[in-house]
Amino acid sequence: MRQHAAVVRQELDAPLTEKEVAILADLAKGFRYKEVARLHAISPNTVGDHVKSIYRKLAVNSRSEAVFEAVQAGLIRLND
């Protein structure tokens, strides 16, 4: 396990909100921004804003990194 993942799992300075976790879980399932927006009754731009916040909080630069870190931190499960 990368050292960064251990840091994220131990403590997030600004933990993800429930909405951010739900959006990240949907993105992990392969949904596109438009689909996530429709599921959550928000605009695709708002999805993008949430994703930027998720990336910042998890200190990542891509969807796959965000999903990896969230799984390692126990925030989401890929089986659901």
PDB file of N, CA and C in Angstrom:
ATOM      1  N   MET A   1       0.843  -1.172   0.000  1.00  0.00           N
ATOM      2  CA  MET A   1       0.000   0.000   0.000  1.00  0.00           C
ATOM      3  C   MET A   1       0.892   1.240   0.000  1.00  0.00           C
ATOM      4  N   ARG A   2       0.471   2.204  -0.787  1.00  0.00           N
ATOM      5  CA  ARG A   2       1.231   3.445  -0.840  1.00  0.00           C
ATOM      6  C   ARG A   2       1.096   4.183   0.482  1.00  0.00           C
ATOM      7  N   GLN A   3       2.130   4.945   0.807  1.00  0.00           N
ATOM      8  CA  GLN A   3       2.116   5.694   2.051  1.00  0.00           C
ATOM      9  C   GLN A   3       0.948   6.670   2.085  1.00  0.00           C
ATOM     10  N   HIS A   4       0.657   7.308   0.958  1.00  0.00           N
ATOM     11  CA  HIS A   4      -0.426   8.293   0.897  1.00  0.00           C
ATOM     12  C   HIS A   4      -1.756   7.659   1.275  1.00  0.00           C
ATOM     13  N   ALA A   5      -2.009   6.460   0.817  1.00  0.00           N
ATOM     14  CA  ALA A   5      -3.267   5.791   1.121  1.00  0.00           C
ATOM     15  C   ALA A   5      -3.417   5.600   2.622  1.00  0.00           C
ATOM     16  N   ALA A   6      -2.338   5.286   3.290  1.00  0.00           N
ATOM     17  CA  ALA A   6      -2.396   5.107   4.735  1.00  0.00           C
ATOM     18  C   ALA A   6      -2.756   6.415   5.422  1.00  0.00           C
ATOM     19  N   VAL A   7      -2.214   7.506   4.936  1.00  0.00           N
ATOM     20  CA  VAL A   7      -2.519   8.815   5.507  1.00  0.00           C
ATOM     21  C   VAL A   7      -3.990   9.136   5.323  1.00  0.00           C
ATOM     22  N   VAL A   8      -4.526   8.907   4.129  1.00  0.00           N
ATOM     23  CA  VAL A   8      -5.932   9.189   3.868  1.00  0.00           C
ATOM     24  C   VAL A   8      -6.806   8.328   4.763  1.00  0.00           C
ATOM     25  N   ARG A   9      -6.488   7.058   4.902  1.00  0.00           N
ATOM     26  CA  ARG A   9      -7.306   6.154   5.697  1.00  0.00           C
ATOM     27  C   ARG A   9      -7.313   6.574   7.161  1.00  0.00           C
ATOM     28  N   GLN A  10      -6.177   7.025   7.671  1.00  0.00           N
ATOM     29  CA  GLN A  10      -6.101   7.383   9.080  1.00  0.00           C
ATOM     30  C   GLN A  10      -6.878   8.656   9.386  1.00  0.00           C
ATOM     31  N   GLU A  11      -6.776   9.644   8.519  1.00  0.00           N
ATOM     32  CA  GLU A  11      -7.433  10.904   8.841  1.00  0.00           C
ATOM     33  C   GLU A  11      -7.576  11.766   7.599  1.00  0.00           C
ATOM     34  N   LEU A  12      -8.772  12.212   7.353  1.00  0.00           N
ATOM     35  CA  LEU A  12      -9.011  13.185   6.297  1.00  0.00           C
ATOM     36  C   LEU A  12      -9.168  14.537   6.971  1.00  0.00           C
ATOM     37  N   ASP A  13      -8.377  15.506   6.544  1.00  0.00           N
ATOM     38  CA  ASP A  13      -8.495  16.842   7.134  1.00  0.00           C
ATOM     39  C   ASP A  13      -9.903  17.389   6.934  1.00  0.00           C
ATOM     40  N   ALA A  14     -10.443  17.192   5.759  1.00  0.00           N
ATOM     41  CA  ALA A  14     -11.808  17.615   5.452  1.00  0.00           C
ATOM     42  C   ALA A  14     -12.523  16.395   4.893  1.00  0.00           C
ATOM     43  N   PRO A  15     -13.213  15.649   5.740  1.00  0.00           N
ATOM     44  CA  PRO A  15     -13.848  14.417   5.267  1.00  0.00           C
ATOM     45  C   PRO A  15     -14.880  14.697   4.174  1.00  0.00           C
ATOM     46  N   LEU A  16     -15.104  13.699   3.350  1.00  0.00           N
ATOM     47  CA  LEU A  16     -16.090  13.839   2.285  1.00  0.00           C
ATOM     48  C   LEU A  16     -17.492  13.952   2.873  1.00  0.00           C
ATOM     49  N   THR A  17     -18.312  14.762   2.230  1.00  0.00           N
ATOM     50  CA  THR A  17     -19.708  14.873   2.639  1.00  0.00           C
ATOM     51  C   THR A  17     -20.455  13.630   2.159  1.00  0.00           C
ATOM     52  N   GLU A  18     -21.673  13.438   2.685  1.00  0.00           N
ATOM     53  CA  GLU A  18     -22.490  12.312   2.227  1.00  0.00           C
ATOM     54  C   GLU A  18     -22.726  12.393   0.723  1.00  0.00           C
ATOM     55  N   LYS A  19     -22.993  13.589   0.230  1.00  0.00           N
ATOM     56  CA  LYS A  19     -23.245  13.788  -1.204  1.00  0.00           C
ATOM     57  C   LYS A  19     -22.002  13.425  -2.008  1.00  0.00           C
ATOM     58  N   GLU A  20     -20.821  13.844  -1.549  1.00  0.00           N
ATOM     59  CA  GLU A  20     -19.581  13.524  -2.257  1.00  0.00           C
ATOM     60  C   GLU A  20     -19.334  12.017  -2.283  1.00  0.00           C
ATOM     61  N   VAL A  21     -19.601  11.343  -1.187  1.00  0.00           N
ATOM     62  CA  VAL A  21     -19.425   9.885  -1.141  1.00  0.00           C
ATOM     63  C   VAL A  21     -20.390   9.229  -2.120  1.00  0.00           C
ATOM     64  N   ALA A  22     -21.642   9.695  -2.146  1.00  0.00           N
ATOM     65  CA  ALA A  22     -22.645   9.113  -3.057  1.00  0.00           C
ATOM     66  C   ALA A  22     -22.241   9.336  -4.512  1.00  0.00           C
ATOM     67  N   ILE A  23     -21.757  10.527  -4.817  1.00  0.00           N
ATOM     68  CA  ILE A  23     -21.325  10.833  -6.183  1.00  0.00           C
ATOM     69  C   ILE A  23     -20.117   9.984  -6.555  1.00  0.00           C
ATOM     70  N   LEU A  24     -19.166   9.874  -5.663  1.00  0.00           N
ATOM     71  CA  LEU A  24     -17.981   9.063  -5.946  1.00  0.00           C
ATOM     72  C   LEU A  24     -18.358   7.594  -6.129  1.00  0.00           C
ATOM     73  N   ALA A  25     -19.296   7.102  -5.342  1.00  0.00           N
ATOM     74  CA  ALA A  25     -19.754   5.714  -5.493  1.00  0.00           C
ATOM     75  C   ALA A  25     -20.373   5.504  -6.872  1.00  0.00           C
ATOM     76  N   ASP A  26     -21.159   6.475  -7.339  1.00  0.00           N
ATOM     77  CA  ASP A  26     -21.756   6.373  -8.674  1.00  0.00           C
ATOM     78  C   ASP A  26     -20.692   6.433  -9.765  1.00  0.00           C
ATOM     79  N   LEU A  27     -19.713   7.292  -9.590  1.00  0.00           N
ATOM     80  CA  LEU A  27     -18.625   7.371 -10.574  1.00  0.00           C
ATOM     81  C   LEU A  27     -17.826   6.069 -10.591  1.00  0.00           C
ATOM     82  N   ALA A  28     -17.662   5.459  -9.425  1.00  0.00           N
ATOM     83  CA  ALA A  28     -16.939   4.182  -9.339  1.00  0.00           C
ATOM     84  C   ALA A  28     -17.684   3.084 -10.082  1.00  0.00           C
ATOM     85  N   LYS A  29     -19.015   3.212 -10.159  1.00  0.00           N
ATOM     86  CA  LYS A  29     -19.835   2.238 -10.888  1.00  0.00           C
ATOM     87  C   LYS A  29     -19.776   2.464 -12.394  1.00  0.00           C
ATOM     88  N   GLY A  30     -19.131   3.556 -12.813  1.00  0.00           N
ATOM     89  CA  GLY A  30     -18.971   3.820 -14.236  1.00  0.00           C
ATOM     90  C   GLY A  30     -19.931   4.836 -14.815  1.00  0.00           C
ATOM     91  N   PHE A  31     -20.767   5.441 -13.976  1.00  0.00           N
ATOM     92  CA  PHE A  31     -21.685   6.459 -14.485  1.00  0.00           C
ATOM     93  C   PHE A  31     -20.921   7.694 -14.943  1.00  0.00           C
ATOM     94  N   ARG A  32     -21.436   8.339 -15.962  1.00  0.00           N
ATOM     95  CA  ARG A  32     -20.867   9.594 -16.453  1.00  0.00           C
ATOM     96  C   ARG A  32     -21.466  10.755 -15.675  1.00  0.00           C
ATOM     97  N   TYR A  33     -20.826  11.927 -15.793  1.00  0.00           N
ATOM     98  CA  TYR A  33     -21.296  13.100 -15.054  1.00  0.00           C
ATOM     99  C   TYR A  33     -22.778  13.370 -15.311  1.00  0.00           C
ATOM    100  N   LYS A  34     -23.211  13.284 -16.565  1.00  0.00           N
ATOM    101  CA  LYS A  34     -24.620  13.550 -16.887  1.00  0.00           C
ATOM    102  C   LYS A  34     -25.548  12.575 -16.184  1.00  0.00           C
ATOM    103  N   GLU A  35     -25.139  11.315 -16.128  1.00  0.00           N
ATOM    104  CA  GLU A  35     -25.956  10.303 -15.469  1.00  0.00           C
ATOM    105  C   GLU A  35     -26.006  10.537 -13.955  1.00  0.00           C
ATOM    106  N   VAL A  36     -24.861  10.873 -13.383  1.00  0.00           N
ATOM    107  CA  VAL A  36     -24.805  11.166 -11.949  1.00  0.00           C
ATOM    108  C   VAL A  36     -25.670  12.386 -11.643  1.00  0.00           C
ATOM    109  N   ALA A  37     -25.593  13.388 -12.504  1.00  0.00           N
ATOM    110  CA  ALA A  37     -26.399  14.595 -12.312  1.00  0.00           C
ATOM    111  C   ALA A  37     -27.882  14.254 -12.293  1.00  0.00           C
ATOM    112  N   ARG A  38     -28.302  13.422 -13.219  1.00  0.00           N
ATOM    113  CA  ARG A  38     -29.705  13.028 -13.292  1.00  0.00           C
ATOM    114  C   ARG A  38     -30.114  12.232 -12.039  1.00  0.00           C
ATOM    115  N   LEU A  39     -29.258  11.326 -11.591  1.00  0.00           N
ATOM    116  CA  LEU A  39     -29.552  10.521 -10.405  1.00  0.00           C
ATOM    117  C   LEU A  39     -29.722  11.367  -9.144  1.00  0.00           C
ATOM    118  N   HIS A  40     -28.954  12.453  -9.070  1.00  0.00           N
ATOM    119  CA  HIS A  40     -28.960  13.289  -7.863  1.00  0.00           C
ATOM    120  C   HIS A  40     -29.739  14.592  -8.045  1.00  0.00           C
ATOM    121  N   ALA A  41     -30.377  14.745  -9.189  1.00  0.00           N
ATOM    122  CA  ALA A  41     -31.176  15.944  -9.487  1.00  0.00           C
ATOM    123  C   ALA A  41     -30.348  17.226  -9.328  1.00  0.00           C
ATOM    124  N   ILE A  42     -29.127  17.174  -9.889  1.00  0.00           N
ATOM    125  CA  ILE A  42     -28.245  18.344  -9.905  1.00  0.00           C
ATOM    126  C   ILE A  42     -27.701  18.496 -11.316  1.00  0.00           C
ATOM    127  N   SER A  43     -27.049  19.605 -11.582  1.00  0.00           N
ATOM    128  CA  SER A  43     -26.500  19.821 -12.918  1.00  0.00           C
ATOM    129  C   SER A  43     -25.159  19.105 -13.064  1.00  0.00           C
ATOM    130  N   PRO A  44     -24.773  18.795 -14.310  1.00  0.00           N
ATOM    131  CA  PRO A  44     -23.449  18.204 -14.531  1.00  0.00           C
ATOM    132  C   PRO A  44     -22.326  19.105 -14.012  1.00  0.00           C
ATOM    133  N   ASN A  45     -22.533  20.419 -14.072  1.00  0.00           N
ATOM    134  CA  ASN A  45     -21.519  21.339 -13.540  1.00  0.00           C
ATOM    135  C   ASN A  45     -21.366  21.179 -12.033  1.00  0.00           C
ATOM    136  N   THR A  46     -22.473  20.943 -11.349  1.00  0.00           N
ATOM    137  CA  THR A  46     -22.415  20.721  -9.906  1.00  0.00           C
ATOM    138  C   THR A  46     -21.705  19.405  -9.599  1.00  0.00           C
ATOM    139  N   VAL A  47     -21.929  18.403 -10.426  1.00  0.00           N
ATOM    140  CA  VAL A  47     -21.195  17.141 -10.267  1.00  0.00           C
ATOM    141  C   VAL A  47     -19.699  17.428 -10.379  1.00  0.00           C
ATOM    142  N   GLY A  48     -19.325  18.214 -11.383  1.00  0.00           N
ATOM    143  CA  GLY A  48     -17.917  18.579 -11.561  1.00  0.00           C
ATOM    144  C   GLY A  48     -17.353  19.299 -10.353  1.00  0.00           C
ATOM    145  N   ASP A  49     -18.139  20.187  -9.758  1.00  0.00           N
ATOM    146  CA  ASP A  49     -17.701  20.893  -8.552  1.00  0.00           C
ATOM    147  C   ASP A  49     -17.475  19.909  -7.400  1.00  0.00           C
ATOM    148  N   HIS A  50     -18.386  18.956  -7.253  1.00  0.00           N
ATOM    149  CA  HIS A  50     -18.228  17.939  -6.203  1.00  0.00           C
ATOM    150  C   HIS A  50     -16.970  17.099  -6.466  1.00  0.00           C
ATOM    151  N   VAL A  51     -16.748  16.747  -7.720  1.00  0.00           N
ATOM    152  CA  VAL A  51     -15.578  15.932  -8.064  1.00  0.00           C
ATOM    153  C   VAL A  51     -14.290  16.690  -7.755  1.00  0.00           C
ATOM    154  N   LYS A  52     -14.247  17.975  -8.073  1.00  0.00           N
ATOM    155  CA  LYS A  52     -13.059  18.786  -7.745  1.00  0.00           C
ATOM    156  C   LYS A  52     -12.813  18.777  -6.241  1.00  0.00           C
ATOM    157  N   SER A  53     -13.886  18.900  -5.468  1.00  0.00           N
ATOM    158  CA  SER A  53     -13.761  18.888  -4.013  1.00  0.00           C
ATOM    159  C   SER A  53     -13.266  17.525  -3.524  1.00  0.00           C
ATOM    160  N   ILE A  54     -13.800  16.462  -4.109  1.00  0.00           N
ATOM    161  CA  ILE A  54     -13.367  15.102  -3.757  1.00  0.00           C
ATOM    162  C   ILE A  54     -11.883  14.938  -4.049  1.00  0.00           C
ATOM    163  N   TYR A  55     -11.460  15.350  -5.238  1.00  0.00           N
ATOM    164  CA  TYR A  55     -10.052  15.213  -5.622  1.00  0.00           C
ATOM    165  C   TYR A  55      -9.157  15.990  -4.652  1.00  0.00           C
ATOM    166  N   ARG A  56      -9.582  17.194  -4.295  1.00  0.00           N
ATOM    167  CA  ARG A  56      -8.791  18.027  -3.387  1.00  0.00           C
ATOM    168  C   ARG A  56      -8.687  17.359  -2.008  1.00  0.00           C
ATOM    169  N   LYS A  57      -9.811  16.892  -1.502  1.00  0.00           N
ATOM    170  CA  LYS A  57      -9.822  16.288  -0.172  1.00  0.00           C
ATOM    171  C   LYS A  57      -9.034  14.980  -0.116  1.00  0.00           C
ATOM    172  N   LEU A  58      -9.068  14.213  -1.195  1.00  0.00           N
ATOM    173  CA  LEU A  58      -8.341  12.942  -1.231  1.00  0.00           C
ATOM    174  C   LEU A  58      -6.927  13.097  -1.785  1.00  0.00           C
ATOM    175  N   ALA A  59      -6.590  14.311  -2.225  1.00  0.00           N
ATOM    176  CA  ALA A  59      -5.265  14.610  -2.787  1.00  0.00           C
ATOM    177  C   ALA A  59      -4.948  13.696  -3.970  1.00  0.00           C
ATOM    178  N   VAL A  60      -5.889  13.651  -4.927  1.00  0.00           N
ATOM    179  CA  VAL A  60      -5.723  12.824  -6.121  1.00  0.00           C
ATOM    180  C   VAL A  60      -5.988  13.672  -7.369  1.00  0.00           C
ATOM    181  N   ASN A  61      -5.712  13.080  -8.529  1.00  0.00           N
ATOM    182  CA  ASN A  61      -5.879  13.800  -9.791  1.00  0.00           C
ATOM    183  C   ASN A  61      -6.721  13.063 -10.820  1.00  0.00           C
ATOM    184  N   SER A  62      -7.317  11.940 -10.445  1.00  0.00           N
ATOM    185  CA  SER A  62      -8.117  11.197 -11.413  1.00  0.00           C
ATOM    186  C   SER A  62      -9.214  10.414 -10.704  1.00  0.00           C
ATOM    187  N   ARG A  63     -10.181   9.989 -11.499  1.00  0.00           N
ATOM    188  CA  ARG A  63     -11.293   9.189 -10.977  1.00  0.00           C
ATOM    189  C   ARG A  63     -10.771   7.892 -10.370  1.00  0.00           C
ATOM    190  N   SER A  64      -9.875   7.224 -11.077  1.00  0.00           N
ATOM    191  CA  SER A  64      -9.378   5.938 -10.576  1.00  0.00           C
ATOM    192  C   SER A  64      -8.618   6.108  -9.264  1.00  0.00           C
ATOM    193  N   GLU A  65      -7.835   7.157  -9.146  1.00  0.00           N
ATOM    194  CA  GLU A  65      -7.132   7.417  -7.880  1.00  0.00           C
ATOM    195  C   GLU A  65      -8.134   7.707  -6.758  1.00  0.00           C
ATOM    196  N   ALA A  66      -9.166   8.499  -7.071  1.00  0.00           N
ATOM    197  CA  ALA A  66     -10.177   8.843  -6.070  1.00  0.00           C
ATOM    198  C   ALA A  66     -10.890   7.589  -5.587  1.00  0.00           C
ATOM    199  N   VAL A  67     -11.254   6.721  -6.519  1.00  0.00           N
ATOM    200  CA  VAL A  67     -11.932   5.479  -6.155  1.00  0.00           C
ATOM    201  C   VAL A  67     -11.006   4.620  -5.296  1.00  0.00           C
ATOM    202  N   PHE A  68      -9.763   4.488  -5.712  1.00  0.00           N
ATOM    203  CA  PHE A  68      -8.794   3.688  -4.949  1.00  0.00           C
ATOM    204  C   PHE A  68      -8.678   4.203  -3.523  1.00  0.00           C
ATOM    205  N   GLU A  69      -8.468   5.501  -3.382  1.00  0.00           N
ATOM    206  CA  GLU A  69      -8.286   6.086  -2.047  1.00  0.00           C
ATOM    207  C   GLU A  69      -9.552   5.948  -1.203  1.00  0.00           C
ATOM    208  N   ALA A  70     -10.706   6.130  -1.817  1.00  0.00           N
ATOM    209  CA  ALA A  70     -11.971   6.007  -1.081  1.00  0.00           C
ATOM    210  C   ALA A  70     -12.201   4.575  -0.619  1.00  0.00           C
ATOM    211  N   VAL A  71     -11.846   3.607  -1.443  1.00  0.00           N
ATOM    212  CA  VAL A  71     -11.976   2.204  -1.050  1.00  0.00           C
ATOM    213  C   VAL A  71     -11.007   1.908   0.094  1.00  0.00           C
ATOM    214  N   GLN A  72      -9.775   2.371  -0.032  1.00  0.00           N
ATOM    215  CA  GLN A  72      -8.776   2.142   1.014  1.00  0.00           C
ATOM    216  C   GLN A  72      -9.192   2.777   2.330  1.00  0.00           C
ATOM    217  N   ALA A  73      -9.863   3.928   2.243  1.00  0.00           N
ATOM    218  CA  ALA A  73     -10.306   4.643   3.448  1.00  0.00           C
ATOM    219  C   ALA A  73     -11.610   4.080   4.004  1.00  0.00           C
ATOM    220  N   GLY A  74     -12.198   3.125   3.298  1.00  0.00           N
ATOM    221  CA  GLY A  74     -13.450   2.537   3.750  1.00  0.00           C
ATOM    222  C   GLY A  74     -14.664   3.416   3.505  1.00  0.00           C
ATOM    223  N   LEU A  75     -14.533   4.387   2.606  1.00  0.00           N
ATOM    224  CA  LEU A  75     -15.641   5.294   2.316  1.00  0.00           C
ATOM    225  C   LEU A  75     -16.654   4.694   1.353  1.00  0.00           C
ATOM    226  N   ILE A  76     -16.169   3.880   0.422  1.00  0.00           N
ATOM    227  CA  ILE A  76     -17.047   3.202  -0.521  1.00  0.00           C
ATOM    228  C   ILE A  76     -16.611   1.761  -0.662  1.00  0.00           C
ATOM    229  N   ARG A  77     -17.547   0.931  -1.144  1.00  0.00           N
ATOM    230  CA  ARG A  77     -17.255  -0.462  -1.447  1.00  0.00           C
ATOM    231  C   ARG A  77     -17.597  -0.694  -2.900  1.00  0.00           C
ATOM    232  N   LEU A  78     -16.784  -1.439  -3.591  1.00  0.00           N
ATOM    233  CA  LEU A  78     -17.019  -1.678  -5.007  1.00  0.00           C
ATOM    234  C   LEU A  78     -18.036  -2.789  -5.255  1.00  0.00           C
ATOM    235  N   ASN A  79     -18.360  -3.565  -4.271  1.00  0.00           N
ATOM    236  CA  ASN A  79     -19.295  -4.682  -4.426  1.00  0.00           C
ATOM    237  C   ASN A  79     -20.749  -4.235  -4.452  1.00  0.00           C
ATOM    238  N   ASP A  80     -21.030  -3.053  -3.972  1.00  0.00           N
ATOM    239  CA  ASP A  80     -22.422  -2.602  -3.844  1.00  0.00           C
ATOM    240  C   ASP A  80     -22.996  -2.116  -5.145  1.00  0.00           C
TER     241      ASP A  80
END
